[in-house]
Amino acid sequence: MCCHLKDLSIPDTDFCTILGNALDNAVTAAGSYEGERYIEVFSEKKHDMLLITVDNSFDGILLQEKDKIYSKKREKGEEGIGILSIKKLCGKNGGTCKFEADGNRFQASFLLKNM
């Protein structure tokens, strides 16, 4: 884990909700994976932007349609509450988020304005 988070303008509750949901999802996914388990967190602040990435191992099965990722914990066809919260808060804070899978590696990325 590598995070340098000094002088953030993002409200603490928003930041903690984004990071908390991402970490909760990562722990759940990595915890149920049978292979090598890992979670990596990285942050970088440049000028007026804050980048955070959370990478984790997972079973490689991603229930996704276009920009929606469906929860394995909820009814079939329902987007995960954590990801919905992350998307909403990233937008509220002038940012964006991206979720990608490559084999057994899942990455959640958040780019937020920090003025």
PDB file of N, CA and C in Angstrom:
ATOM      1  N   MET A   1       0.854  -1.169   0.000  1.00  0.00           N
ATOM      2  CA  MET A   1       0.000   0.000   0.000  1.00  0.00           C
ATOM      3  C   MET A   1       0.898   1.229   0.000  1.00  0.00           C
ATOM      4  N   CYS A   2       0.584   2.158  -0.894  1.00  0.00           N
ATOM      5  CA  CYS A   2       1.375   3.380  -0.982  1.00  0.00           C
ATOM      6  C   CYS A   2       0.409   4.546  -1.144  1.00  0.00           C
ATOM      7  N   CYS A   3       0.249   5.348  -0.104  1.00  0.00           N
ATOM      8  CA  CYS A   3      -0.693   6.472  -0.181  1.00  0.00           C
ATOM      9  C   CYS A   3      -0.098   7.705   0.483  1.00  0.00           C
ATOM     10  N   HIS A   4      -0.122   8.794  -0.236  1.00  0.00           N
ATOM     11  CA  HIS A   4       0.289  10.097   0.285  1.00  0.00           C
ATOM     12  C   HIS A   4      -0.928  10.999   0.159  1.00  0.00           C
ATOM     13  N   LEU A   5      -1.651  11.185   1.255  1.00  0.00           N
ATOM     14  CA  LEU A   5      -2.955  11.836   1.198  1.00  0.00           C
ATOM     15  C   LEU A   5      -3.019  13.068   2.086  1.00  0.00           C
ATOM     16  N   LYS A   6      -2.137  13.989   1.861  1.00  0.00           N
ATOM     17  CA  LYS A   6      -2.084  15.221   2.649  1.00  0.00           C
ATOM     18  C   LYS A   6      -2.842  16.323   1.913  1.00  0.00           C
ATOM     19  N   ASP A   7      -3.550  17.155   2.647  1.00  0.00           N
ATOM     20  CA  ASP A   7      -4.228  18.331   2.106  1.00  0.00           C
ATOM     21  C   ASP A   7      -5.263  17.988   1.032  1.00  0.00           C
ATOM     22  N   LEU A   8      -6.178  17.099   1.355  1.00  0.00           N
ATOM     23  CA  LEU A   8      -7.240  16.747   0.418  1.00  0.00           C
ATOM     24  C   LEU A   8      -8.418  17.697   0.576  1.00  0.00           C
ATOM     25  N   SER A   9      -8.998  18.095  -0.542  1.00  0.00           N
ATOM     26  CA  SER A   9     -10.192  18.947  -0.489  1.00  0.00           C
ATOM     27  C   SER A   9     -11.472  18.119  -0.585  1.00  0.00           C
ATOM     28  N   ILE A  10     -11.333  16.842  -0.867  1.00  0.00           N
ATOM     29  CA  ILE A  10     -12.478  15.944  -0.954  1.00  0.00           C
ATOM     30  C   ILE A  10     -12.995  15.708   0.465  1.00  0.00           C
ATOM     31  N   PRO A  11     -14.308  15.808   0.684  1.00  0.00           N
ATOM     32  CA  PRO A  11     -14.831  15.562   2.037  1.00  0.00           C
ATOM     33  C   PRO A  11     -14.418  14.182   2.557  1.00  0.00           C
ATOM     34  N   ASP A  12     -14.058  14.126   3.834  1.00  0.00           N
ATOM     35  CA  ASP A  12     -13.612  12.868   4.440  1.00  0.00           C
ATOM     36  C   ASP A  12     -14.625  11.745   4.245  1.00  0.00           C
ATOM     37  N   THR A  13     -15.904  12.052   4.426  1.00  0.00           N
ATOM     38  CA  THR A  13     -16.926  11.007   4.303  1.00  0.00           C
ATOM     39  C   THR A  13     -16.975  10.451   2.877  1.00  0.00           C
ATOM     40  N   ASP A  14     -16.828  11.317   1.875  1.00  0.00           N
ATOM     41  CA  ASP A  14     -16.822  10.862   0.479  1.00  0.00           C
ATOM     42  C   ASP A  14     -15.596  10.006   0.198  1.00  0.00           C
ATOM     43  N   PHE A  15     -14.440  10.495   0.630  1.00  0.00           N
ATOM     44  CA  PHE A  15     -13.199   9.768   0.395  1.00  0.00           C
ATOM     45  C   PHE A  15     -13.237   8.392   1.066  1.00  0.00           C
ATOM     46  N   CYS A  16     -13.674   8.356   2.323  1.00  0.00           N
ATOM     47  CA  CYS A  16     -13.726   7.091   3.056  1.00  0.00           C
ATOM     48  C   CYS A  16     -14.748   6.133   2.456  1.00  0.00           C
ATOM     49  N   THR A  17     -15.847   6.653   1.951  1.00  0.00           N
ATOM     50  CA  THR A  17     -16.854   5.801   1.308  1.00  0.00           C
ATOM     51  C   THR A  17     -16.304   5.195   0.031  1.00  0.00           C
ATOM     52  N   ILE A  18     -15.633   6.004  -0.787  1.00  0.00           N
ATOM     53  CA  ILE A  18     -15.042   5.499  -2.033  1.00  0.00           C
ATOM     54  C   ILE A  18     -14.002   4.422  -1.727  1.00  0.00           C
ATOM     55  N   LEU A  19     -13.039   4.750  -0.886  1.00  0.00           N
ATOM     56  CA  LEU A  19     -11.963   3.809  -0.584  1.00  0.00           C
ATOM     57  C   LEU A  19     -12.485   2.599   0.182  1.00  0.00           C
ATOM     58  N   GLY A  20     -13.387   2.823   1.121  1.00  0.00           N
ATOM     59  CA  GLY A  20     -13.952   1.724   1.910  1.00  0.00           C
ATOM     60  C   GLY A  20     -14.708   0.723   1.048  1.00  0.00           C
ATOM     61  N   ASN A  21     -15.535   1.217   0.128  1.00  0.00           N
ATOM     62  CA  ASN A  21     -16.270   0.314  -0.761  1.00  0.00           C
ATOM     63  C   ASN A  21     -15.324  -0.444  -1.682  1.00  0.00           C
ATOM     64  N   ALA A  22     -14.322   0.246  -2.200  1.00  0.00           N
ATOM     65  CA  ALA A  22     -13.346  -0.411  -3.084  1.00  0.00           C
ATOM     66  C   ALA A  22     -12.589  -1.502  -2.328  1.00  0.00           C
ATOM     67  N   LEU A  23     -12.169  -1.208  -1.107  1.00  0.00           N
ATOM     68  CA  LEU A  23     -11.446  -2.201  -0.315  1.00  0.00           C
ATOM     69  C   LEU A  23     -12.350  -3.361   0.111  1.00  0.00           C
ATOM     70  N   ASP A  24     -13.593  -3.074   0.453  1.00  0.00           N
ATOM     71  CA  ASP A  24     -14.541  -4.131   0.813  1.00  0.00           C
ATOM     72  C   ASP A  24     -14.736  -5.089  -0.363  1.00  0.00           C
ATOM     73  N   ASN A  25     -14.917  -4.521  -1.558  1.00  0.00           N
ATOM     74  CA  ASN A  25     -15.063  -5.357  -2.754  1.00  0.00           C
ATOM     75  C   ASN A  25     -13.798  -6.173  -3.018  1.00  0.00           C
ATOM     76  N   ALA A  26     -12.636  -5.548  -2.832  1.00  0.00           N
ATOM     77  CA  ALA A  26     -11.366  -6.232  -3.070  1.00  0.00           C
ATOM     78  C   ALA A  26     -11.162  -7.380  -2.084  1.00  0.00           C
ATOM     79  N   VAL A  27     -11.469  -7.163  -0.815  1.00  0.00           N
ATOM     80  CA  VAL A  27     -11.314  -8.206   0.201  1.00  0.00           C
ATOM     81  C   VAL A  27     -12.257  -9.374  -0.097  1.00  0.00           C
ATOM     82  N   THR A  28     -13.488  -9.077  -0.459  1.00  0.00           N
ATOM     83  CA  THR A  28     -14.455 -10.125  -0.796  1.00  0.00           C
ATOM     84  C   THR A  28     -13.978 -10.939  -1.994  1.00  0.00           C
ATOM     85  N   ALA A  29     -13.547 -10.245  -3.058  1.00  0.00           N
ATOM     86  CA  ALA A  29     -13.129 -10.929  -4.285  1.00  0.00           C
ATOM     87  C   ALA A  29     -11.848 -11.737  -4.069  1.00  0.00           C
ATOM     88  N   ALA A  30     -10.855 -11.133  -3.452  1.00  0.00           N
ATOM     89  CA  ALA A  30      -9.591 -11.836  -3.228  1.00  0.00           C
ATOM     90  C   ALA A  30      -9.779 -12.986  -2.235  1.00  0.00           C
ATOM     91  N   GLY A  31     -10.645 -12.792  -1.254  1.00  0.00           N
ATOM     92  CA  GLY A  31     -10.877 -13.818  -0.237  1.00  0.00           C
ATOM     93  C   GLY A  31     -11.506 -15.081  -0.779  1.00  0.00           C
ATOM     94  N   SER A  32     -12.270 -14.960  -1.853  1.00  0.00           N
ATOM     95  CA  SER A  32     -12.922 -16.147  -2.412  1.00  0.00           C
ATOM     96  C   SER A  32     -12.138 -16.749  -3.584  1.00  0.00           C
ATOM     97  N   TYR A  33     -10.980 -16.159  -3.879  1.00  0.00           N
ATOM     98  CA  TYR A  33     -10.143 -16.654  -4.976  1.00  0.00           C
ATOM     99  C   TYR A  33      -9.263 -17.786  -4.472  1.00  0.00           C
ATOM    100  N   GLU A  34      -9.129 -18.847  -5.256  1.00  0.00           N
ATOM    101  CA  GLU A  34      -8.344 -20.016  -4.857  1.00  0.00           C
ATOM    102  C   GLU A  34      -6.850 -19.876  -5.149  1.00  0.00           C
ATOM    103  N   GLY A  35      -6.466 -18.953  -6.029  1.00  0.00           N
ATOM    104  CA  GLY A  35      -5.059 -18.779  -6.389  1.00  0.00           C
ATOM    105  C   GLY A  35      -4.345 -17.834  -5.432  1.00  0.00           C
ATOM    106  N   GLU A  36      -3.258 -17.228  -5.916  1.00  0.00           N
ATOM    107  CA  GLU A  36      -2.496 -16.273  -5.110  1.00  0.00           C
ATOM    108  C   GLU A  36      -3.348 -15.037  -4.855  1.00  0.00           C
ATOM    109  N   ARG A  37      -3.532 -14.705  -3.607  1.00  0.00           N
ATOM    110  CA  ARG A  37      -4.397 -13.582  -3.213  1.00  0.00           C
ATOM    111  C   ARG A  37      -3.558 -12.338  -2.949  1.00  0.00           C
ATOM    112  N   TYR A  38      -4.056 -11.216  -3.420  1.00  0.00           N
ATOM    113  CA  TYR A  38      -3.373  -9.951  -3.147  1.00  0.00           C
ATOM    114  C   TYR A  38      -4.352  -8.792  -3.299  1.00  0.00           C
ATOM    115  N   ILE A  39      -4.019  -7.709  -2.627  1.00  0.00           N
ATOM    116  CA  ILE A  39      -4.705  -6.420  -2.778  1.00  0.00           C
ATOM    117  C   ILE A  39      -3.606  -5.372  -2.767  1.00  0.00           C
ATOM    118  N   GLU A  40      -3.606  -4.500  -3.770  1.00  0.00           N
ATOM    119  CA  GLU A  40      -2.621  -3.422  -3.855  1.00  0.00           C
ATOM    120  C   GLU A  40      -3.370  -2.097  -3.956  1.00  0.00           C
ATOM    121  N   VAL A  41      -2.943  -1.127  -3.170  1.00  0.00           N
ATOM    122  CA  VAL A  41      -3.549   0.212  -3.190  1.00  0.00           C
ATOM    123  C   VAL A  41      -2.461   1.214  -3.525  1.00  0.00           C
ATOM    124  N   PHE A  42      -2.779   2.131  -4.417  1.00  0.00           N
ATOM    125  CA  PHE A  42      -1.825   3.156  -4.821  1.00  0.00           C
ATOM    126  C   PHE A  42      -2.560   4.485  -4.929  1.00  0.00           C
ATOM    127  N   SER A  43      -1.904   5.550  -4.557  1.00  0.00           N
ATOM    128  CA  SER A  43      -2.476   6.888  -4.758  1.00  0.00           C
ATOM    129  C   SER A  43      -1.390   7.842  -5.225  1.00  0.00           C
ATOM    130  N   GLU A  44      -1.823   8.826  -5.971  1.00  0.00           N
ATOM    131  CA  GLU A  44      -0.901   9.853  -6.443  1.00  0.00           C
ATOM    132  C   GLU A  44      -1.678  11.154  -6.589  1.00  0.00           C
ATOM    133  N   LYS A  45      -1.103  12.211  -6.058  1.00  0.00           N
ATOM    134  CA  LYS A  45      -1.718  13.533  -6.150  1.00  0.00           C
ATOM    135  C   LYS A  45      -0.839  14.399  -7.032  1.00  0.00           C
ATOM    136  N   LYS A  46      -1.414  14.922  -8.109  1.00  0.00           N
ATOM    137  CA  LYS A  46      -0.683  15.823  -8.990  1.00  0.00           C
ATOM    138  C   LYS A  46      -1.556  17.027  -9.284  1.00  0.00           C
ATOM    139  N   HIS A  47      -1.010  18.184  -9.019  1.00  0.00           N
ATOM    140  CA  HIS A  47      -1.706  19.438  -9.265  1.00  0.00           C
ATOM    141  C   HIS A  47      -3.067  19.393  -8.588  1.00  0.00           C
ATOM    142  N   ASP A  48      -4.141  19.429  -9.343  1.00  0.00           N
ATOM    143  CA  ASP A  48      -5.470  19.457  -8.733  1.00  0.00           C
ATOM    144  C   ASP A  48      -6.220  18.134  -8.909  1.00  0.00           C
ATOM    145  N   MET A  49      -5.482  17.042  -9.099  1.00  0.00           N
ATOM    146  CA  MET A  49      -6.121  15.736  -9.292  1.00  0.00           C
ATOM    147  C   MET A  49      -5.545  14.703  -8.315  1.00  0.00           C
ATOM    148  N   LEU A  50      -6.402  13.779  -7.910  1.00  0.00           N
ATOM    149  CA  LEU A  50      -5.994  12.677  -7.049  1.00  0.00           C
ATOM    150  C   LEU A  50      -6.365  11.378  -7.752  1.00  0.00           C
ATOM    151  N   LEU A  51      -5.380  10.508  -7.943  1.00  0.00           N
ATOM    152  CA  LEU A  51      -5.598   9.198  -8.543  1.00  0.00           C
ATOM    153  C   LEU A  51      -5.457   8.144  -7.459  1.00  0.00           C
ATOM    154  N   ILE A  52      -6.419   7.234  -7.401  1.00  0.00           N
ATOM    155  CA  ILE A  52      -6.355   6.105  -6.483  1.00  0.00           C
ATOM    156  C   ILE A  52      -6.653   4.859  -7.297  1.00  0.00           C
ATOM    157  N   THR A  53      -5.846   3.808  -7.107  1.00  0.00           N
ATOM    158  CA  THR A  53      -6.146   2.524  -7.725  1.00  0.00           C
ATOM    159  C   THR A  53      -6.154   1.444  -6.646  1.00  0.00           C
ATOM    160  N   VAL A  54      -7.074   0.519  -6.795  1.00  0.00           N
ATOM    161  CA  VAL A  54      -7.152  -0.656  -5.936  1.00  0.00           C
ATOM    162  C   VAL A  54      -7.158  -1.860  -6.870  1.00  0.00           C
ATOM    163  N   ASP A  55      -6.086  -2.644  -6.821  1.00  0.00           N
ATOM    164  CA  ASP A  55      -5.955  -3.853  -7.639  1.00  0.00           C
ATOM    165  C   ASP A  55      -6.087  -5.063  -6.719  1.00  0.00           C
ATOM    166  N   ASN A  56      -6.743  -6.097  -7.216  1.00  0.00           N
ATOM    167  CA  ASN A  56      -6.868  -7.312  -6.425  1.00  0.00           C
ATOM    168  C   ASN A  56      -7.013  -8.534  -7.312  1.00  0.00           C
ATOM    169  N   SER A  57      -6.689  -9.680  -6.726  1.00  0.00           N
ATOM    170  CA  SER A  57      -6.928 -10.942  -7.408  1.00  0.00           C
ATOM    171  C   SER A  57      -8.413 -11.267  -7.283  1.00  0.00           C
ATOM    172  N   PHE A  58      -8.930 -12.017  -8.261  1.00  0.00           N
ATOM    173  CA  PHE A  58     -10.318 -12.484  -8.198  1.00  0.00           C
ATOM    174  C   PHE A  58     -10.461 -13.682  -9.115  1.00  0.00           C
ATOM    175  N   ASP A  59     -11.625 -14.309  -9.108  1.00  0.00           N
ATOM    176  CA  ASP A  59     -11.811 -15.566  -9.837  1.00  0.00           C
ATOM    177  C   ASP A  59     -11.856 -15.409 -11.355  1.00  0.00           C
ATOM    178  N   GLY A  60     -11.789 -14.192 -11.857  1.00  0.00           N
ATOM    179  CA  GLY A  60     -11.777 -13.958 -13.299  1.00  0.00           C
ATOM    180  C   GLY A  60     -13.155 -13.880 -13.927  1.00  0.00           C
ATOM    181  N   ILE A  61     -14.190 -14.085 -13.126  1.00  0.00           N
ATOM    182  CA  ILE A  61     -15.561 -14.023 -13.641  1.00  0.00           C
ATOM    183  C   ILE A  61     -16.150 -12.670 -13.277  1.00  0.00           C
ATOM    184  N   LEU A  62     -16.341 -11.824 -14.280  1.00  0.00           N
ATOM    185  CA  LEU A  62     -16.878 -10.490 -14.072  1.00  0.00           C
ATOM    186  C   LEU A  62     -18.240 -10.407 -14.748  1.00  0.00           C
ATOM    187  N   LEU A  63     -19.263 -10.142 -13.962  1.00  0.00           N
ATOM    188  CA  LEU A  63     -20.607  -9.995 -14.487  1.00  0.00           C
ATOM    189  C   LEU A  63     -20.777  -8.539 -14.903  1.00  0.00           C
ATOM    190  N   GLN A  64     -20.584  -8.265 -16.182  1.00  0.00           N
ATOM    191  CA  GLN A  64     -20.553  -6.888 -16.668  1.00  0.00           C
ATOM    192  C   GLN A  64     -21.321  -6.767 -17.974  1.00  0.00           C
ATOM    193  N   GLU A  65     -21.995  -5.629 -18.103  1.00  0.00           N
ATOM    194  CA  GLU A  65     -22.674  -5.271 -19.340  1.00  0.00           C
ATOM    195  C   GLU A  65     -22.473  -3.781 -19.549  1.00  0.00           C
ATOM    196  N   LYS A  66     -21.746  -3.425 -20.593  1.00  0.00           N
ATOM    197  CA  LYS A  66     -21.362  -2.031 -20.869  1.00  0.00           C
ATOM    198  C   LYS A  66     -20.662  -1.455 -19.651  1.00  0.00           C
ATOM    199  N   ASP A  67     -21.197  -0.389 -19.045  1.00  0.00           N
ATOM    200  CA  ASP A  67     -20.523   0.247 -17.906  1.00  0.00           C
ATOM    201  C   ASP A  67     -21.073  -0.216 -16.561  1.00  0.00           C
ATOM    202  N   LYS A  68     -21.893  -1.254 -16.551  1.00  0.00           N
ATOM    203  CA  LYS A  68     -22.461  -1.763 -15.303  1.00  0.00           C
ATOM    204  C   LYS A  68     -21.771  -3.060 -14.902  1.00  0.00           C
ATOM    205  N   ILE A  69     -21.420  -3.143 -13.622  1.00  0.00           N
ATOM    206  CA  ILE A  69     -20.862  -4.367 -13.058  1.00  0.00           C
ATOM    207  C   ILE A  69     -21.876  -4.880 -12.052  1.00  0.00           C
ATOM    208  N   TYR A  70     -22.297  -6.111 -12.263  1.00  0.00           N
ATOM    209  CA  TYR A  70     -23.332  -6.690 -11.417  1.00  0.00           C
ATOM    210  C   TYR A  70     -22.722  -7.437 -10.248  1.00  0.00           C
ATOM    211  N   SER A  71     -23.388  -7.336  -9.118  1.00  0.00           N
ATOM    212  CA  SER A  71     -22.929  -7.967  -7.889  1.00  0.00           C
ATOM    213  C   SER A  71     -23.165  -9.469  -7.927  1.00  0.00           C
ATOM    214  N   LYS A  72     -22.223 -10.212  -7.374  1.00  0.00           N
ATOM    215  CA  LYS A  72     -22.405 -11.656  -7.213  1.00  0.00           C
ATOM    216  C   LYS A  72     -23.157 -11.945  -5.917  1.00  0.00           C
ATOM    217  N   LYS A  73     -23.282 -10.928  -5.051  1.00  0.00           N
ATOM    218  CA  LYS A  73     -23.932 -11.091  -3.757  1.00  0.00           C
ATOM    219  C   LYS A  73     -25.429 -10.804  -3.820  1.00  0.00           C
ATOM    220  N   ARG A  74     -25.852 -10.084  -4.842  1.00  0.00           N
ATOM    221  CA  ARG A  74     -27.253  -9.638  -4.910  1.00  0.00           C
ATOM    222  C   ARG A  74     -28.012 -10.453  -5.953  1.00  0.00           C
ATOM    223  N   GLU A  75     -29.282 -10.123  -6.093  1.00  0.00           N
ATOM    224  CA  GLU A  75     -30.106 -10.768  -7.110  1.00  0.00           C
ATOM    225  C   GLU A  75     -29.465 -10.583  -8.477  1.00  0.00           C
ATOM    226  N   LYS A  76     -29.649 -11.560  -9.331  1.00  0.00           N
ATOM    227  CA  LYS A  76     -29.084 -11.491 -10.679  1.00  0.00           C
ATOM    228  C   LYS A  76     -29.608 -10.237 -11.388  1.00  0.00           C
ATOM    229  N   GLY A  77     -28.706  -9.516 -12.015  1.00  0.00           N
ATOM    230  CA  GLY A  77     -29.097  -8.324 -12.754  1.00  0.00           C
ATOM    231  C   GLY A  77     -29.103  -7.043 -11.939  1.00  0.00           C
ATOM    232  N   GLU A  78     -28.599  -7.087 -10.698  1.00  0.00           N
ATOM    233  CA  GLU A  78     -28.535  -5.880  -9.878  1.00  0.00           C
ATOM    234  C   GLU A  78     -27.088  -5.420  -9.761  1.00  0.00           C
ATOM    235  N   GLU A  79     -26.894  -4.139 -10.034  1.00  0.00           N
ATOM    236  CA  GLU A  79     -25.557  -3.567  -9.902  1.00  0.00           C
ATOM    237  C   GLU A  79     -25.193  -3.489  -8.423  1.00  0.00           C
ATOM    238  N   GLY A  80     -23.909  -3.678  -8.130  1.00  0.00           N
ATOM    239  CA  GLY A  80     -23.453  -3.642  -6.744  1.00  0.00           C
ATOM    240  C   GLY A  80     -23.639  -2.271  -6.113  1.00  0.00           C
ATOM    241  N   ILE A  81     -24.086  -2.244  -4.865  1.00  0.00           N
ATOM    242  CA  ILE A  81     -24.336  -0.986  -4.147  1.00  0.00           C
ATOM    243  C   ILE A  81     -23.037  -0.208  -3.954  1.00  0.00           C
ATOM    244  N   GLY A  82     -21.946  -0.916  -3.636  1.00  0.00           N
ATOM    245  CA  GLY A  82     -20.661  -0.238  -3.434  1.00  0.00           C
ATOM    246  C   GLY A  82     -20.194   0.477  -4.682  1.00  0.00           C
ATOM    247  N   ILE A  83     -20.296  -0.179  -5.824  1.00  0.00           N
ATOM    248  CA  ILE A  83     -19.868   0.440  -7.078  1.00  0.00           C
ATOM    249  C   ILE A  83     -20.775   1.613  -7.434  1.00  0.00           C
ATOM    250  N   LEU A  84     -22.074   1.471  -7.193  1.00  0.00           N
ATOM    251  CA  LEU A  84     -22.983   2.599  -7.443  1.00  0.00           C
ATOM    252  C   LEU A  84     -22.613   3.800  -6.583  1.00  0.00           C
ATOM    253  N   SER A  85     -22.289   3.565  -5.311  1.00  0.00           N
ATOM    254  CA  SER A  85     -21.874   4.651  -4.407  1.00  0.00           C
ATOM    255  C   SER A  85     -20.594   5.308  -4.894  1.00  0.00           C
ATOM    256  N   ILE A  86     -19.642   4.486  -5.321  1.00  0.00           N
ATOM    257  CA  ILE A  86     -18.372   5.005  -5.821  1.00  0.00           C
ATOM    258  C   ILE A  86     -18.608   5.900  -7.040  1.00  0.00           C
ATOM    259  N   LYS A  87     -19.404   5.421  -7.986  1.00  0.00           N
ATOM    260  CA  LYS A  87     -19.688   6.203  -9.196  1.00  0.00           C
ATOM    261  C   LYS A  87     -20.320   7.542  -8.847  1.00  0.00           C
ATOM    262  N   LYS A  88     -21.295   7.519  -7.952  1.00  0.00           N
ATOM    263  CA  LYS A  88     -21.992   8.746  -7.555  1.00  0.00           C
ATOM    264  C   LYS A  88     -21.033   9.746  -6.903  1.00  0.00           C
ATOM    265  N   LEU A  89     -20.213   9.277  -5.976  1.00  0.00           N
ATOM    266  CA  LEU A  89     -19.308  10.173  -5.259  1.00  0.00           C
ATOM    267  C   LEU A  89     -18.166  10.678  -6.130  1.00  0.00           C
ATOM    268  N   CYS A  90     -17.704   9.860  -7.050  1.00  0.00           N
ATOM    269  CA  CYS A  90     -16.675  10.333  -7.982  1.00  0.00           C
ATOM    270  C   CYS A  90     -17.246  11.480  -8.829  1.00  0.00           C
ATOM    271  N   GLY A  91     -18.454  11.306  -9.338  1.00  0.00           N
ATOM    272  CA  GLY A  91     -19.101  12.366 -10.115  1.00  0.00           C
ATOM    273  C   GLY A  91     -19.331  13.621  -9.295  1.00  0.00           C
ATOM    274  N   LYS A  92     -19.776  13.452  -8.051  1.00  0.00           N
ATOM    275  CA  LYS A  92     -20.019  14.583  -7.152  1.00  0.00           C
ATOM    276  C   LYS A  92     -18.742  15.390  -6.917  1.00  0.00           C
ATOM    277  N   ASN A  93     -17.602  14.714  -6.895  1.00  0.00           N
ATOM    278  CA  ASN A  93     -16.324  15.368  -6.626  1.00  0.00           C
ATOM    279  C   ASN A  93     -15.540  15.677  -7.900  1.00  0.00           C
ATOM    280  N   GLY A  94     -16.273  15.849  -9.016  1.00  0.00           N
ATOM    281  CA  GLY A  94     -15.657  16.280 -10.265  1.00  0.00           C
ATOM    282  C   GLY A  94     -14.716  15.264 -10.876  1.00  0.00           C
ATOM    283  N   GLY A  95     -14.957  13.996 -10.601  1.00  0.00           N
ATOM    284  CA  GLY A  95     -14.052  12.969 -11.083  1.00  0.00           C
ATOM    285  C   GLY A  95     -14.752  11.876 -11.847  1.00  0.00           C
ATOM    286  N   THR A  96     -14.021  10.794 -11.992  1.00  0.00           N
ATOM    287  CA  THR A  96     -14.521   9.648 -12.735  1.00  0.00           C
ATOM    288  C   THR A  96     -13.931   8.378 -12.127  1.00  0.00           C
ATOM    289  N   CYS A  97     -14.523   7.257 -12.491  1.00  0.00           N
ATOM    290  CA  CYS A  97     -13.996   5.975 -12.030  1.00  0.00           C
ATOM    291  C   CYS A  97     -14.035   4.977 -13.178  1.00  0.00           C
ATOM    292  N   LYS A  98     -13.183   3.973 -13.060  1.00  0.00           N
ATOM    293  CA  LYS A  98     -13.101   2.951 -14.102  1.00  0.00           C
ATOM    294  C   LYS A  98     -12.838   1.614 -13.418  1.00  0.00           C
ATOM    295  N   PHE A  99     -13.484   0.576 -13.929  1.00  0.00           N
ATOM    296  CA  PHE A  99     -13.336  -0.769 -13.390  1.00  0.00           C
ATOM    297  C   PHE A  99     -12.948  -1.686 -14.545  1.00  0.00           C
ATOM    298  N   GLU A 100     -11.843  -2.401 -14.376  1.00  0.00           N
ATOM    299  CA  GLU A 100     -11.328  -3.250 -15.453  1.00  0.00           C
ATOM    300  C   GLU A 100     -10.867  -4.589 -14.900  1.00  0.00           C
ATOM    301  N   ALA A 101     -11.003  -5.624 -15.729  1.00  0.00           N
ATOM    302  CA  ALA A 101     -10.506  -6.945 -15.370  1.00  0.00           C
ATOM    303  C   ALA A 101      -9.593  -7.446 -16.477  1.00  0.00           C
ATOM    304  N   ASP A 102      -8.526  -8.117 -16.067  1.00  0.00           N
ATOM    305  CA  ASP A 102      -7.593  -8.734 -17.009  1.00  0.00           C
ATOM    306  C   ASP A 102      -7.179 -10.070 -16.401  1.00  0.00           C
ATOM    307  N   GLY A 103      -7.749 -11.142 -16.902  1.00  0.00           N
ATOM    308  CA  GLY A 103      -7.480 -12.453 -16.319  1.00  0.00           C
ATOM    309  C   GLY A 103      -8.003 -12.504 -14.902  1.00  0.00           C
ATOM    310  N   ASN A 104      -7.109 -12.758 -13.948  1.00  0.00           N
ATOM    311  CA  ASN A 104      -7.497 -12.824 -12.540  1.00  0.00           C
ATOM    312  C   ASN A 104      -7.113 -11.567 -11.773  1.00  0.00           C
ATOM    313  N   ARG A 105      -6.926 -10.463 -12.493  1.00  0.00           N
ATOM    314  CA  ARG A 105      -6.600  -9.180 -11.865  1.00  0.00           C
ATOM    315  C   ARG A 105      -7.743  -8.209 -12.129  1.00  0.00           C
ATOM    316  N   PHE A 106      -8.255  -7.615 -11.054  1.00  0.00           N
ATOM    317  CA  PHE A 106      -9.305  -6.607 -11.157  1.00  0.00           C
ATOM    318  C   PHE A 106      -8.722  -5.285 -10.684  1.00  0.00           C
ATOM    319  N   GLN A 107      -9.029  -4.206 -11.411  1.00  0.00           N
ATOM    320  CA  GLN A 107      -8.536  -2.890 -11.009  1.00  0.00           C
ATOM    321  C   GLN A 107      -9.689  -1.895 -10.979  1.00  0.00           C
ATOM    322  N   ALA A 108      -9.775  -1.193  -9.854  1.00  0.00           N
ATOM    323  CA  ALA A 108     -10.706  -0.082  -9.697  1.00  0.00           C
ATOM    324  C   ALA A 108      -9.859   1.183  -9.635  1.00  0.00           C
ATOM    325  N   SER A 109     -10.150   2.152 -10.512  1.00  0.00           N
ATOM    326  CA  SER A 109      -9.381   3.401 -10.561  1.00  0.00           C
ATOM    327  C   SER A 109     -10.318   4.576 -10.333  1.00  0.00           C
ATOM    328  N   PHE A 110      -9.844   5.553  -9.556  1.00  0.00           N
ATOM    329  CA  PHE A 110     -10.635   6.741  -9.247  1.00  0.00           C
ATOM    330  C   PHE A 110      -9.789   7.975  -9.485  1.00  0.00           C
ATOM    331  N   LEU A 111     -10.292   8.883 -10.281  1.00  0.00           N
ATOM    332  CA  LEU A 111      -9.615  10.148 -10.533  1.00  0.00           C
ATOM    333  C   LEU A 111     -10.544  11.249 -10.030  1.00  0.00           C
ATOM    334  N   LEU A 112     -10.081  12.009  -9.040  1.00  0.00           N
ATOM    335  CA  LEU A 112     -10.924  13.006  -8.373  1.00  0.00           C
ATOM    336  C   LEU A 112     -10.259  14.379  -8.404  1.00  0.00           C
ATOM    337  N   LYS A 113     -11.078  15.410  -8.526  1.00  0.00           N
ATOM    338  CA  LYS A 113     -10.555  16.775  -8.436  1.00  0.00           C
ATOM    339  C   LYS A 113     -10.182  17.056  -6.984  1.00  0.00           C
ATOM    340  N   ASN A 114      -9.048  17.709  -6.804  1.00  0.00           N
ATOM    341  CA  ASN A 114      -8.572  18.050  -5.461  1.00  0.00           C
ATOM    342  C   ASN A 114      -8.057  19.483  -5.506  1.00  0.00           C
ATOM    343  N   MET A 115      -8.964  20.431  -5.365  1.00  0.00           N
ATOM    344  CA  MET A 115      -8.579  21.841  -5.496  1.00  0.00           C
ATOM    345  C   MET A 115      -8.447  22.511  -4.151  1.00  0.00           C
TER     346      MET A 115
END
